[in-house]
Amino acid sequence: MPLGLGTPEVLIILAIALLILGPTKLPQLARALGQSLREFKKASSGLLDEEEKKAVASMKEKGGSEVDRETLEKIAAKLEIEQEGKTEEELVKEIVKKAREKGLVK
């Protein structure tokens, strides 16, 4: 478990939270926490989309549009990216995304 907490510790923390907050406030707190996490994930995924768009635009400005389809397909194959039915721009986005996941680029 995270932070080195085992099941007994988590149960004790939940019991204390139940005693402090009461049975009506605890579900509200859990709901608010869930909504906050959902909003955070939505916002962070939006940032990644913006970064991918910037990366594609940057590649085009630096001559990325001169990269031919064959080169993109070779790179995509090495990164194990499905290529069928994708445009060059979609391939570039997938390549950038996969490269970030693997820590090849920031």
PDB file of N, CA and C in Angstrom:
ATOM      1  N   MET A   1       0.833  -1.185   0.000  1.00  0.00           N
ATOM      2  CA  MET A   1       0.000   0.000   0.000  1.00  0.00           C
ATOM      3  C   MET A   1       0.880   1.252   0.000  1.00  0.00           C
ATOM      4  N   PRO A   2       0.334   2.382  -0.426  1.00  0.00           N
ATOM      5  CA  PRO A   2       1.129   3.604  -0.455  1.00  0.00           C
ATOM      6  C   PRO A   2       1.503   4.068   0.953  1.00  0.00           C
ATOM      7  N   LEU A   3       2.635   4.716   1.023  1.00  0.00           N
ATOM      8  CA  LEU A   3       3.140   5.291   2.261  1.00  0.00           C
ATOM      9  C   LEU A   3       3.416   4.242   3.330  1.00  0.00           C
ATOM     10  N   GLY A   4       3.532   2.993   2.959  1.00  0.00           N
ATOM     11  CA  GLY A   4       3.850   1.944   3.906  1.00  0.00           C
ATOM     12  C   GLY A   4       2.715   1.630   4.870  1.00  0.00           C
ATOM     13  N   LEU A   5       1.492   1.976   4.520  1.00  0.00           N
ATOM     14  CA  LEU A   5       0.347   1.693   5.374  1.00  0.00           C
ATOM     15  C   LEU A   5      -0.235   0.339   5.014  1.00  0.00           C
ATOM     16  N   GLY A   6      -0.495  -0.464   6.032  1.00  0.00           N
ATOM     17  CA  GLY A   6      -1.136  -1.751   5.820  1.00  0.00           C
ATOM     18  C   GLY A   6      -2.631  -1.633   6.064  1.00  0.00           C
ATOM     19  N   THR A   7      -3.323  -2.751   5.940  1.00  0.00           N
ATOM     20  CA  THR A   7      -4.774  -2.770   6.134  1.00  0.00           C
ATOM     21  C   THR A   7      -5.174  -2.319   7.540  1.00  0.00           C
ATOM     22  N   PRO A   8      -4.517  -2.812   8.606  1.00  0.00           N
ATOM     23  CA  PRO A   8      -4.935  -2.364   9.949  1.00  0.00           C
ATOM     24  C   PRO A   8      -4.801  -0.852  10.140  1.00  0.00           C
ATOM     25  N   GLU A   9      -3.722  -0.270   9.615  1.00  0.00           N
ATOM     26  CA  GLU A   9      -3.530   1.164   9.759  1.00  0.00           C
ATOM     27  C   GLU A   9      -4.606   1.957   9.036  1.00  0.00           C
ATOM     28  N   VAL A  10      -4.961   1.503   7.828  1.00  0.00           N
ATOM     29  CA  VAL A  10      -5.991   2.193   7.050  1.00  0.00           C
ATOM     30  C   VAL A  10      -7.332   2.106   7.773  1.00  0.00           C
ATOM     31  N   LEU A  11      -7.644   0.933   8.327  1.00  0.00           N
ATOM     32  CA  LEU A  11      -8.901   0.776   9.063  1.00  0.00           C
ATOM     33  C   LEU A  11      -8.949   1.683  10.293  1.00  0.00           C
ATOM     34  N   ILE A  12      -7.836   1.817  10.981  1.00  0.00           N
ATOM     35  CA  ILE A  12      -7.786   2.697  12.154  1.00  0.00           C
ATOM     36  C   ILE A  12      -7.995   4.149  11.736  1.00  0.00           C
ATOM     37  N   ILE A  13      -7.354   4.556  10.641  1.00  0.00           N
ATOM     38  CA  ILE A  13      -7.520   5.931  10.146  1.00  0.00           C
ATOM     39  C   ILE A  13      -8.972   6.184   9.750  1.00  0.00           C
ATOM     40  N   LEU A  14      -9.593   5.222   9.067  1.00  0.00           N
ATOM     41  CA  LEU A  14     -10.997   5.370   8.675  1.00  0.00           C
ATOM     42  C   LEU A  14     -11.911   5.443   9.895  1.00  0.00           C
ATOM     43  N   ALA A  15     -11.629   4.649  10.918  1.00  0.00           N
ATOM     44  CA  ALA A  15     -12.441   4.672  12.131  1.00  0.00           C
ATOM     45  C   ALA A  15     -12.321   6.024  12.829  1.00  0.00           C
ATOM     46  N   ILE A  16     -11.118   6.561  12.908  1.00  0.00           N
ATOM     47  CA  ILE A  16     -10.917   7.875  13.535  1.00  0.00           C
ATOM     48  C   ILE A  16     -11.633   8.958  12.731  1.00  0.00           C
ATOM     49  N   ALA A  17     -11.526   8.880  11.394  1.00  0.00           N
ATOM     50  CA  ALA A  17     -12.207   9.857  10.536  1.00  0.00           C
ATOM     51  C   ALA A  17     -13.721   9.771  10.734  1.00  0.00           C
ATOM     52  N   LEU A  18     -14.247   8.561  10.879  1.00  0.00           N
ATOM     53  CA  LEU A  18     -15.674   8.379  11.098  1.00  0.00           C
ATOM     54  C   LEU A  18     -16.099   8.986  12.428  1.00  0.00           C
ATOM     55  N   LEU A  19     -15.274   8.806  13.458  1.00  0.00           N
ATOM     56  CA  LEU A  19     -15.594   9.378  14.767  1.00  0.00           C
ATOM     57  C   LEU A  19     -15.534  10.906  14.735  1.00  0.00           C
ATOM     58  N   ILE A  20     -14.538  11.460  14.063  1.00  0.00           N
ATOM     59  CA  ILE A  20     -14.366  12.915  14.030  1.00  0.00           C
ATOM     60  C   ILE A  20     -15.425  13.581  13.150  1.00  0.00           C
ATOM     61  N   LEU A  21     -15.617  13.054  11.942  1.00  0.00           N
ATOM     62  CA  LEU A  21     -16.511  13.692  10.982  1.00  0.00           C
ATOM     63  C   LEU A  21     -17.959  13.259  11.116  1.00  0.00           C
ATOM     64  N   GLY A  22     -18.184  12.077  11.610  1.00  0.00           N
ATOM     65  CA  GLY A  22     -19.545  11.569  11.724  1.00  0.00           C
ATOM     66  C   GLY A  22     -19.980  10.884  10.445  1.00  0.00           C
ATOM     67  N   PRO A  23     -21.035  10.087  10.541  1.00  0.00           N
ATOM     68  CA  PRO A  23     -21.471   9.288   9.386  1.00  0.00           C
ATOM     69  C   PRO A  23     -22.049  10.111   8.235  1.00  0.00           C
ATOM     70  N   THR A  24     -22.488  11.343   8.482  1.00  0.00           N
ATOM     71  CA  THR A  24     -23.060  12.139   7.388  1.00  0.00           C
ATOM     72  C   THR A  24     -21.994  12.921   6.628  1.00  0.00           C
ATOM     73  N   LYS A  25     -20.941  13.345   7.302  1.00  0.00           N
ATOM     74  CA  LYS A  25     -19.899  14.153   6.656  1.00  0.00           C
ATOM     75  C   LYS A  25     -18.889  13.304   5.885  1.00  0.00           C
ATOM     76  N   LEU A  26     -18.658  12.072   6.320  1.00  0.00           N
ATOM     77  CA  LEU A  26     -17.644  11.228   5.681  1.00  0.00           C
ATOM     78  C   LEU A  26     -17.951  10.959   4.203  1.00  0.00           C
ATOM     79  N   PRO A  27     -19.193  10.582   3.829  1.00  0.00           N
ATOM     80  CA  PRO A  27     -19.485  10.400   2.395  1.00  0.00           C
ATOM     81  C   PRO A  27     -19.329  11.682   1.581  1.00  0.00           C
ATOM     82  N   GLN A  28     -19.692  12.817   2.195  1.00  0.00           N
ATOM     83  CA  GLN A  28     -19.530  14.099   1.492  1.00  0.00           C
ATOM     84  C   GLN A  28     -18.057  14.392   1.241  1.00  0.00           C
ATOM     85  N   LEU A  29     -17.226  14.089   2.232  1.00  0.00           N
ATOM     86  CA  LEU A  29     -15.785  14.296   2.092  1.00  0.00           C
ATOM     87  C   LEU A  29     -15.216  13.391   0.996  1.00  0.00           C
ATOM     88  N   ALA A  30     -15.636  12.127   0.993  1.00  0.00           N
ATOM     89  CA  ALA A  30     -15.158  11.185  -0.024  1.00  0.00           C
ATOM     90  C   ALA A  30     -15.597  11.629  -1.422  1.00  0.00           C
ATOM     91  N   ARG A  31     -16.836  12.110  -1.543  1.00  0.00           N
ATOM     92  CA  ARG A  31     -17.346  12.579  -2.833  1.00  0.00           C
ATOM     93  C   ARG A  31     -16.553  13.794  -3.317  1.00  0.00           C
ATOM     94  N   ALA A  32     -16.293  14.721  -2.410  1.00  0.00           N
ATOM     95  CA  ALA A  32     -15.530  15.921  -2.769  1.00  0.00           C
ATOM     96  C   ALA A  32     -14.105  15.551  -3.181  1.00  0.00           C
ATOM     97  N   LEU A  33     -13.509  14.597  -2.473  1.00  0.00           N
ATOM     98  CA  LEU A  33     -12.163  14.148  -2.826  1.00  0.00           C
ATOM     99  C   LEU A  33     -12.156  13.495  -4.210  1.00  0.00           C
ATOM    100  N   GLY A  34     -13.154  12.666  -4.495  1.00  0.00           N
ATOM    101  CA  GLY A  34     -13.262  12.029  -5.809  1.00  0.00           C
ATOM    102  C   GLY A  34     -13.424  13.048  -6.926  1.00  0.00           C
ATOM    103  N   GLN A  35     -14.258  14.056  -6.692  1.00  0.00           N
ATOM    104  CA  GLN A  35     -14.460  15.100  -7.707  1.00  0.00           C
ATOM    105  C   GLN A  35     -13.182  15.899  -7.932  1.00  0.00           C
ATOM    106  N   SER A  36     -12.460  16.163  -6.857  1.00  0.00           N
ATOM    107  CA  SER A  36     -11.198  16.902  -6.989  1.00  0.00           C
ATOM    108  C   SER A  36     -10.190  16.120  -7.803  1.00  0.00           C
ATOM    109  N   LEU A  37     -10.074  14.825  -7.539  1.00  0.00           N
ATOM    110  CA  LEU A  37      -9.144  13.988  -8.303  1.00  0.00           C
ATOM    111  C   LEU A  37      -9.542  13.919  -9.775  1.00  0.00           C
ATOM    112  N   ARG A  38     -10.850  13.821 -10.031  1.00  0.00           N
ATOM    113  CA  ARG A  38     -11.337  13.762 -11.416  1.00  0.00           C
ATOM    114  C   ARG A  38     -11.001  15.057 -12.156  1.00  0.00           C
ATOM    115  N   GLU A  39     -11.216  16.201 -11.516  1.00  0.00           N
ATOM    116  CA  GLU A  39     -10.891  17.494 -12.121  1.00  0.00           C
ATOM    117  C   GLU A  39      -9.391  17.629 -12.376  1.00  0.00           C
ATOM    118  N   PHE A  40      -8.586  17.157 -11.424  1.00  0.00           N
ATOM    119  CA  PHE A  40      -7.136  17.216 -11.592  1.00  0.00           C
ATOM    120  C   PHE A  40      -6.694  16.386 -12.786  1.00  0.00           C
ATOM    121  N   LYS A  41      -7.231  15.181 -12.913  1.00  0.00           N
ATOM    122  CA  LYS A  41      -6.876  14.321 -14.048  1.00  0.00           C
ATOM    123  C   LYS A  41      -7.311  14.946 -15.370  1.00  0.00           C
ATOM    124  N   LYS A  42      -8.497  15.538 -15.378  1.00  0.00           N
ATOM    125  CA  LYS A  42      -8.997  16.170 -16.604  1.00  0.00           C
ATOM    126  C   LYS A  42      -8.094  17.334 -17.005  1.00  0.00           C
ATOM    127  N   ALA A  43      -7.710  18.134 -16.028  1.00  0.00           N
ATOM    128  CA  ALA A  43      -6.852  19.292 -16.308  1.00  0.00           C
ATOM    129  C   ALA A  43      -5.475  18.850 -16.773  1.00  0.00           C
ATOM    130  N   SER A  44      -4.911  17.821 -16.145  1.00  0.00           N
ATOM    131  CA  SER A  44      -3.580  17.375 -16.537  1.00  0.00           C
ATOM    132  C   SER A  44      -3.591  16.719 -17.914  1.00  0.00           C
ATOM    133  N   SER A  45      -4.657  16.014 -18.284  1.00  0.00           N
ATOM    134  CA  SER A  45      -4.710  15.426 -19.621  1.00  0.00           C
ATOM    135  C   SER A  45      -4.859  16.524 -20.672  1.00  0.00           C
ATOM    136  N   GLY A  46      -5.545  17.599 -20.336  1.00  0.00           N
ATOM    137  CA  GLY A  46      -5.661  18.736 -21.250  1.00  0.00           C
ATOM    138  C   GLY A  46      -4.320  19.383 -21.503  1.00  0.00           C
ATOM    139  N   LEU A  47      -3.478  19.438 -20.482  1.00  0.00           N
ATOM    140  CA  LEU A  47      -2.142  20.001 -20.642  1.00  0.00           C
ATOM    141  C   LEU A  47      -1.312  19.143 -21.585  1.00  0.00           C
ATOM    142  N   LEU A  48      -1.432  17.822 -21.467  1.00  0.00           N
ATOM    143  CA  LEU A  48      -0.677  16.940 -22.353  1.00  0.00           C
ATOM    144  C   LEU A  48      -1.104  17.141 -23.804  1.00  0.00           C
ATOM    145  N   ASP A  49      -2.413  17.302 -24.039  1.00  0.00           N
ATOM    146  CA  ASP A  49      -2.883  17.532 -25.401  1.00  0.00           C
ATOM    147  C   ASP A  49      -2.282  18.807 -25.967  1.00  0.00           C
ATOM    148  N   GLU A  50      -2.232  19.856 -25.150  1.00  0.00           N
ATOM    149  CA  GLU A  50      -1.660  21.121 -25.606  1.00  0.00           C
ATOM    150  C   GLU A  50      -0.171  20.961 -25.909  1.00  0.00           C
ATOM    151  N   GLU A  51       0.543  20.197 -25.068  1.00  0.00           N
ATOM    152  CA  GLU A  51       1.968  19.978 -25.288  1.00  0.00           C
ATOM    153  C   GLU A  51       2.203  19.194 -26.574  1.00  0.00           C
ATOM    154  N   GLU A  52       1.343  18.206 -26.856  1.00  0.00           N
ATOM    155  CA  GLU A  52       1.486  17.437 -28.090  1.00  0.00           C
ATOM    156  C   GLU A  52       1.271  18.338 -29.305  1.00  0.00           C
ATOM    157  N   LYS A  53       0.283  19.208 -29.245  1.00  0.00           N
ATOM    158  CA  LYS A  53       0.032  20.131 -30.360  1.00  0.00           C
ATOM    159  C   LYS A  53       1.236  21.045 -30.581  1.00  0.00           C
ATOM    160  N   LYS A  54       1.809  21.540 -29.477  1.00  0.00           N
ATOM    161  CA  LYS A  54       2.985  22.397 -29.587  1.00  0.00           C
ATOM    162  C   LYS A  54       4.159  21.633 -30.180  1.00  0.00           C
ATOM    163  N   ALA A  55       4.330  20.363 -29.784  1.00  0.00           N
ATOM    164  CA  ALA A  55       5.438  19.556 -30.293  1.00  0.00           C
ATOM    165  C   ALA A  55       5.288  19.325 -31.793  1.00  0.00           C
ATOM    166  N   VAL A  56       4.065  19.032 -32.228  1.00  0.00           N
ATOM    167  CA  VAL A  56       3.829  18.824 -33.661  1.00  0.00           C
ATOM    168  C   VAL A  56       4.096  20.110 -34.428  1.00  0.00           C
ATOM    169  N   ALA A  57       3.617  21.246 -33.909  1.00  0.00           N
ATOM    170  CA  ALA A  57       3.847  22.536 -34.569  1.00  0.00           C
ATOM    171  C   ALA A  57       5.333  22.857 -34.617  1.00  0.00           C
ATOM    172  N   SER A  58       6.036  22.550 -33.538  1.00  0.00           N
ATOM    173  CA  SER A  58       7.476  22.792 -33.476  1.00  0.00           C
ATOM    174  C   SER A  58       8.216  21.950 -34.510  1.00  0.00           C
ATOM    175  N   MET A  59       7.806  20.687 -34.645  1.00  0.00           N
ATOM    176  CA  MET A  59       8.443  19.813 -35.637  1.00  0.00           C
ATOM    177  C   MET A  59       8.232  20.364 -37.046  1.00  0.00           C
ATOM    178  N   LYS A  60       7.030  20.866 -37.301  1.00  0.00           N
ATOM    179  CA  LYS A  60       6.749  21.410 -38.629  1.00  0.00           C
ATOM    180  C   LYS A  60       7.586  22.655 -38.902  1.00  0.00           C
ATOM    181  N   GLU A  61       7.732  23.505 -37.875  1.00  0.00           N
ATOM    182  CA  GLU A  61       8.528  24.722 -38.039  1.00  0.00           C
ATOM    183  C   GLU A  61       9.995  24.396 -38.305  1.00  0.00           C
ATOM    184  N   LYS A  62      10.477  23.337 -37.669  1.00  0.00           N
ATOM    185  CA  LYS A  62      11.888  22.967 -37.801  1.00  0.00           C
ATOM    186  C   LYS A  62      12.139  22.043 -38.985  1.00  0.00           C
ATOM    187  N   GLY A  63      11.136  21.897 -39.830  1.00  0.00           N
ATOM    188  CA  GLY A  63      11.323  21.037 -40.993  1.00  0.00           C
ATOM    189  C   GLY A  63      10.770  19.649 -40.777  1.00  0.00           C
ATOM    190  N   GLY A  64       9.974  19.468 -39.747  1.00  0.00           N
ATOM    191  CA  GLY A  64       9.395  18.161 -39.471  1.00  0.00           C
ATOM    192  C   GLY A  64       8.469  17.689 -40.576  1.00  0.00           C
ATOM    193  N   SER A  65       7.929  18.632 -41.350  1.00  0.00           N
ATOM    194  CA  SER A  65       7.053  18.251 -42.446  1.00  0.00           C
ATOM    195  C   SER A  65       7.847  17.569 -43.560  1.00  0.00           C
ATOM    196  N   GLU A  66       9.191  17.707 -43.533  1.00  0.00           N
ATOM    197  CA  GLU A  66      10.023  17.068 -44.543  1.00  0.00           C
ATOM    198  C   GLU A  66      10.276  15.603 -44.243  1.00  0.00           C
ATOM    199  N   VAL A  67       9.911  15.167 -43.034  1.00  0.00           N
ATOM    200  CA  VAL A  67      10.068  13.757 -42.690  1.00  0.00           C
ATOM    201  C   VAL A  67       9.032  12.987 -43.494  1.00  0.00           C
ATOM    202  N   ASP A  68       9.517  12.011 -44.249  1.00  0.00           N
ATOM    203  CA  ASP A  68       8.595  11.286 -45.107  1.00  0.00           C
ATOM    204  C   ASP A  68       7.836  10.218 -44.321  1.00  0.00           C
ATOM    205  N   ARG A  69       6.793   9.724 -44.934  1.00  0.00           N
ATOM    206  CA  ARG A  69       5.901   8.745 -44.325  1.00  0.00           C
ATOM    207  C   ARG A  69       6.663   7.485 -43.922  1.00  0.00           C
ATOM    208  N   GLU A  70       7.597   7.071 -44.745  1.00  0.00           N
ATOM    209  CA  GLU A  70       8.362   5.850 -44.474  1.00  0.00           C
ATOM    210  C   GLU A  70       9.167   5.972 -43.174  1.00  0.00           C
ATOM    211  N   THR A  71       9.788   7.132 -42.971  1.00  0.00           N
ATOM    212  CA  THR A  71      10.568   7.356 -41.746  1.00  0.00           C
ATOM    213  C   THR A  71       9.657   7.339 -40.529  1.00  0.00           C
ATOM    214  N   LEU A  72       8.491   7.997 -40.639  1.00  0.00           N
ATOM    215  CA  LEU A  72       7.542   7.990 -39.532  1.00  0.00           C
ATOM    216  C   LEU A  72       7.093   6.564 -39.207  1.00  0.00           C
ATOM    217  N   GLU A  73       6.861   5.770 -40.236  1.00  0.00           N
ATOM    218  CA  GLU A  73       6.424   4.384 -40.027  1.00  0.00           C
ATOM    219  C   GLU A  73       7.512   3.552 -39.357  1.00  0.00           C
ATOM    220  N   LYS A  74       8.769   3.789 -39.718  1.00  0.00           N
ATOM    221  CA  LYS A  74       9.869   3.059 -39.090  1.00  0.00           C
ATOM    222  C   LYS A  74       9.975   3.405 -37.608  1.00  0.00           C
ATOM    223  N   ILE A  75       9.865   4.694 -37.311  1.00  0.00           N
ATOM    224  CA  ILE A  75       9.934   5.128 -35.909  1.00  0.00           C
ATOM    225  C   ILE A  75       8.748   4.556 -35.125  1.00  0.00           C
ATOM    226  N   ALA A  76       7.566   4.631 -35.724  1.00  0.00           N
ATOM    227  CA  ALA A  76       6.368   4.110 -35.060  1.00  0.00           C
ATOM    228  C   ALA A  76       6.499   2.607 -34.811  1.00  0.00           C
ATOM    229  N   ALA A  77       7.066   1.877 -35.771  1.00  0.00           N
ATOM    230  CA  ALA A  77       7.247   0.432 -35.600  1.00  0.00           C
ATOM    231  C   ALA A  77       8.207   0.137 -34.449  1.00  0.00           C
ATOM    232  N   LYS A  78       9.284   0.902 -34.354  1.00  0.00           N
ATOM    233  CA  LYS A  78      10.242   0.697 -33.260  1.00  0.00           C
ATOM    234  C   LYS A  78       9.618   0.999 -31.905  1.00  0.00           C
ATOM    235  N   LEU A  79       8.687   1.942 -31.862  1.00  0.00           N
ATOM    236  CA  LEU A  79       8.016   2.294 -30.609  1.00  0.00           C
ATOM    237  C   LEU A  79       6.745   1.473 -30.386  1.00  0.00           C
ATOM    238  N   GLU A  80       6.503   0.503 -31.274  1.00  0.00           N
ATOM    239  CA  GLU A  80       5.343  -0.402 -31.184  1.00  0.00           C
ATOM    240  C   GLU A  80       4.022   0.368 -31.212  1.00  0.00           C
ATOM    241  N   ILE A  81       3.894   1.262 -32.187  1.00  0.00           N
ATOM    242  CA  ILE A  81       2.692   2.071 -32.356  1.00  0.00           C
ATOM    243  C   ILE A  81       1.914   1.539 -33.556  1.00  0.00           C
ATOM    244  N   GLU A  82       0.607   1.361 -33.372  1.00  0.00           N
ATOM    245  CA  GLU A  82      -0.268   0.928 -34.457  1.00  0.00           C
ATOM    246  C   GLU A  82      -0.345   2.046 -35.494  1.00  0.00           C
ATOM    247  N   GLN A  83      -0.091   1.710 -36.772  1.00  0.00           N
ATOM    248  CA  GLN A  83       0.014   2.734 -37.807  1.00  0.00           C
ATOM    249  C   GLN A  83      -1.171   2.763 -38.760  1.00  0.00           C
ATOM    250  N   GLU A  84      -1.889   1.696 -38.836  1.00  0.00           N
ATOM    251  CA  GLU A  84      -2.927   1.550 -39.848  1.00  0.00           C
ATOM    252  C   GLU A  84      -3.999   2.630 -39.751  1.00  0.00           C
ATOM    253  N   GLY A  85      -4.254   3.302 -40.866  1.00  0.00           N
ATOM    254  CA  GLY A  85      -5.325   4.280 -40.968  1.00  0.00           C
ATOM    255  C   GLY A  85      -5.032   5.624 -40.304  1.00  0.00           C
ATOM    256  N   LYS A  86      -3.790   5.883 -39.936  1.00  0.00           N
ATOM    257  CA  LYS A  86      -3.458   7.144 -39.267  1.00  0.00           C
ATOM    258  C   LYS A  86      -2.768   8.086 -40.243  1.00  0.00           C
ATOM    259  N   THR A  87      -3.077   9.373 -40.084  1.00  0.00           N
ATOM    260  CA  THR A  87      -2.412  10.383 -40.900  1.00  0.00           C
ATOM    261  C   THR A  87      -1.008  10.611 -40.350  1.00  0.00           C
ATOM    262  N   GLU A  88      -0.202  11.364 -41.106  1.00  0.00           N
ATOM    263  CA  GLU A  88       1.157  11.664 -40.650  1.00  0.00           C
ATOM    264  C   GLU A  88       1.124  12.450 -39.339  1.00  0.00           C
ATOM    265  N   GLU A  89       0.193  13.391 -39.225  1.00  0.00           N
ATOM    266  CA  GLU A  89       0.099  14.182 -38.003  1.00  0.00           C
ATOM    267  C   GLU A  89      -0.281  13.303 -36.810  1.00  0.00           C
ATOM    268  N   GLU A  90      -1.184  12.365 -37.017  1.00  0.00           N
ATOM    269  CA  GLU A  90      -1.569  11.450 -35.933  1.00  0.00           C
ATOM    270  C   GLU A  90      -0.389  10.576 -35.523  1.00  0.00           C
ATOM    271  N   LEU A  91       0.382  10.132 -36.514  1.00  0.00           N
ATOM    272  CA  LEU A  91       1.567   9.338 -36.204  1.00  0.00           C
ATOM    273  C   LEU A  91       2.577  10.133 -35.396  1.00  0.00           C
ATOM    274  N   VAL A  92       2.777  11.390 -35.773  1.00  0.00           N
ATOM    275  CA  VAL A  92       3.718  12.242 -35.046  1.00  0.00           C
ATOM    276  C   VAL A  92       3.256  12.399 -33.598  1.00  0.00           C
ATOM    277  N   LYS A  93       1.957  12.636 -33.401  1.00  0.00           N
ATOM    278  CA  LYS A  93       1.420  12.777 -32.048  1.00  0.00           C
ATOM    279  C   LYS A  93       1.659  11.504 -31.238  1.00  0.00           C
ATOM    280  N   GLU A  94       1.385  10.355 -31.842  1.00  0.00           N
ATOM    281  CA  GLU A  94       1.583   9.074 -31.154  1.00  0.00           C
ATOM    282  C   GLU A  94       3.059   8.840 -30.824  1.00  0.00           C
ATOM    283  N   ILE A  95       3.927   9.196 -31.748  1.00  0.00           N
ATOM    284  CA  ILE A  95       5.371   9.023 -31.528  1.00  0.00           C
ATOM    285  C   ILE A  95       5.826   9.895 -30.365  1.00  0.00           C
ATOM    286  N   VAL A  96       5.385  11.157 -30.343  1.00  0.00           N
ATOM    287  CA  VAL A  96       5.766  12.066 -29.260  1.00  0.00           C
ATOM    288  C   VAL A  96       5.232  11.548 -27.928  1.00  0.00           C
ATOM    289  N   LYS A  97       3.985  11.102 -27.926  1.00  0.00           N
ATOM    290  CA  LYS A  97       3.368  10.591 -26.694  1.00  0.00           C
ATOM    291  C   LYS A  97       4.127   9.372 -26.172  1.00  0.00           C
ATOM    292  N   LYS A  98       4.422   8.420 -27.048  1.00  0.00           N
ATOM    293  CA  LYS A  98       5.122   7.203 -26.650  1.00  0.00           C
ATOM    294  C   LYS A  98       6.533   7.510 -26.200  1.00  0.00           C
ATOM    295  N   ALA A  99       7.201   8.439 -26.865  1.00  0.00           N
ATOM    296  CA  ALA A  99       8.556   8.819 -26.490  1.00  0.00           C
ATOM    297  C   ALA A  99       8.572   9.445 -25.103  1.00  0.00           C
ATOM    298  N   ARG A 100       7.550  10.234 -24.784  1.00  0.00           N
ATOM    299  CA  ARG A 100       7.450  10.819 -23.443  1.00  0.00           C
ATOM    300  C   ARG A 100       7.225   9.734 -22.400  1.00  0.00           C
ATOM    301  N   GLU A 101       6.352   8.774 -22.729  1.00  0.00           N
ATOM    302  CA  GLU A 101       6.077   7.681 -21.792  1.00  0.00           C
ATOM    303  C   GLU A 101       7.347   6.895 -21.480  1.00  0.00           C
ATOM    304  N   LYS A 102       8.176   6.718 -22.480  1.00  0.00           N
ATOM    305  CA  LYS A 102       9.396   5.945 -22.296  1.00  0.00           C
ATOM    306  C   LYS A 102      10.550   6.800 -21.777  1.00  0.00           C
ATOM    307  N   GLY A 103      10.314   8.101 -21.591  1.00  0.00           N
ATOM    308  CA  GLY A 103      11.337   8.984 -21.055  1.00  0.00           C
ATOM    309  C   GLY A 103      12.389   9.372 -22.062  1.00  0.00           C
ATOM    310  N   LEU A 104      12.083   9.242 -23.351  1.00  0.00           N
ATOM    311  CA  LEU A 104      13.040   9.589 -24.390  1.00  0.00           C
ATOM    312  C   LEU A 104      13.111  11.096 -24.634  1.00  0.00           C
ATOM    313  N   VAL A 105      11.978  11.774 -24.410  1.00  0.00           N
ATOM    314  CA  VAL A 105      11.917  13.233 -24.541  1.00  0.00           C
ATOM    315  C   VAL A 105      11.103  13.788 -23.389  1.00  0.00           C
ATOM    316  N   LYS A 106      11.275  15.086 -23.144  1.00  0.00           N
ATOM    317  CA  LYS A 106      10.507  15.719 -22.050  1.00  0.00           C
ATOM    318  C   LYS A 106       9.253  16.320 -22.565  1.00  0.00           C
TER     319      LYS A 106
END
